[in-house]
Amino acid sequence: MWKRTHNERTRGLLLTGLKAAGSAAVAIAVASAIHLQFSATAGIIAILSLMGTKRETMKVALGRLMAYGAALLIAFVCFSLFGDGLLAFGIYLFVFASLCYACSWGYATAMISVLISHFMGTGGMTWTQIGNESLLFLIGTTCTCTRTKGAWTHCFVRRMSRCGRRCVRLRKGRMRATP
């Protein structure tokens, strides 16, 4: 009995690693193909966007989208008033982190702040840079939220694997790894 549970757990862990690596690789490849700066960031966003269920994934993606919009507005104000240096970024972080925790978006604080930090290294918030960061965010998030044959991408790898039927089962309408 232990061996069977141990093998299923190992398969589940391997599939989780495969989903993370696959999502990141696809996101980085797409970002690189359209020549975005900091394309590896899209891969990190994809990894951070993987959740246990499609409902959780969509809930987190929506929260991050709202937080990203707020971050752009806060960053624009801070960088306009204080330049594109450390002081402006520090003020941005204070205001944005406070807003995120007040709105229960704490999970978005670090990821989105990395995107905003790119404005410091590239000389401020130009429309080109805003577009670059927005595309990185969009690509990283959608590589884990895109529908494929009725299942979300984070379940797609499971469907394609040979042990998929044994490693994941449908429980109360949500996808979960077996214990």
Foldseek 3Di string as FASTA:
>chain_A
DVVVVVVLVVVLVVLLVVLLVVLQVQQLVVLVVVPFPPSSLLSVLLNLLDDFWLVSSVVLLVLLVVLLVVLVVLLVVLCVVPNLDDVSLVVSLVVSCVVCVVVVNNSNSPSSSVLSNVQSVPGHDDVVSVVSSVSSSVSSSQSQAPDDPNGTSSLVSLVPDPCSPVQWDADPNIIHGDD
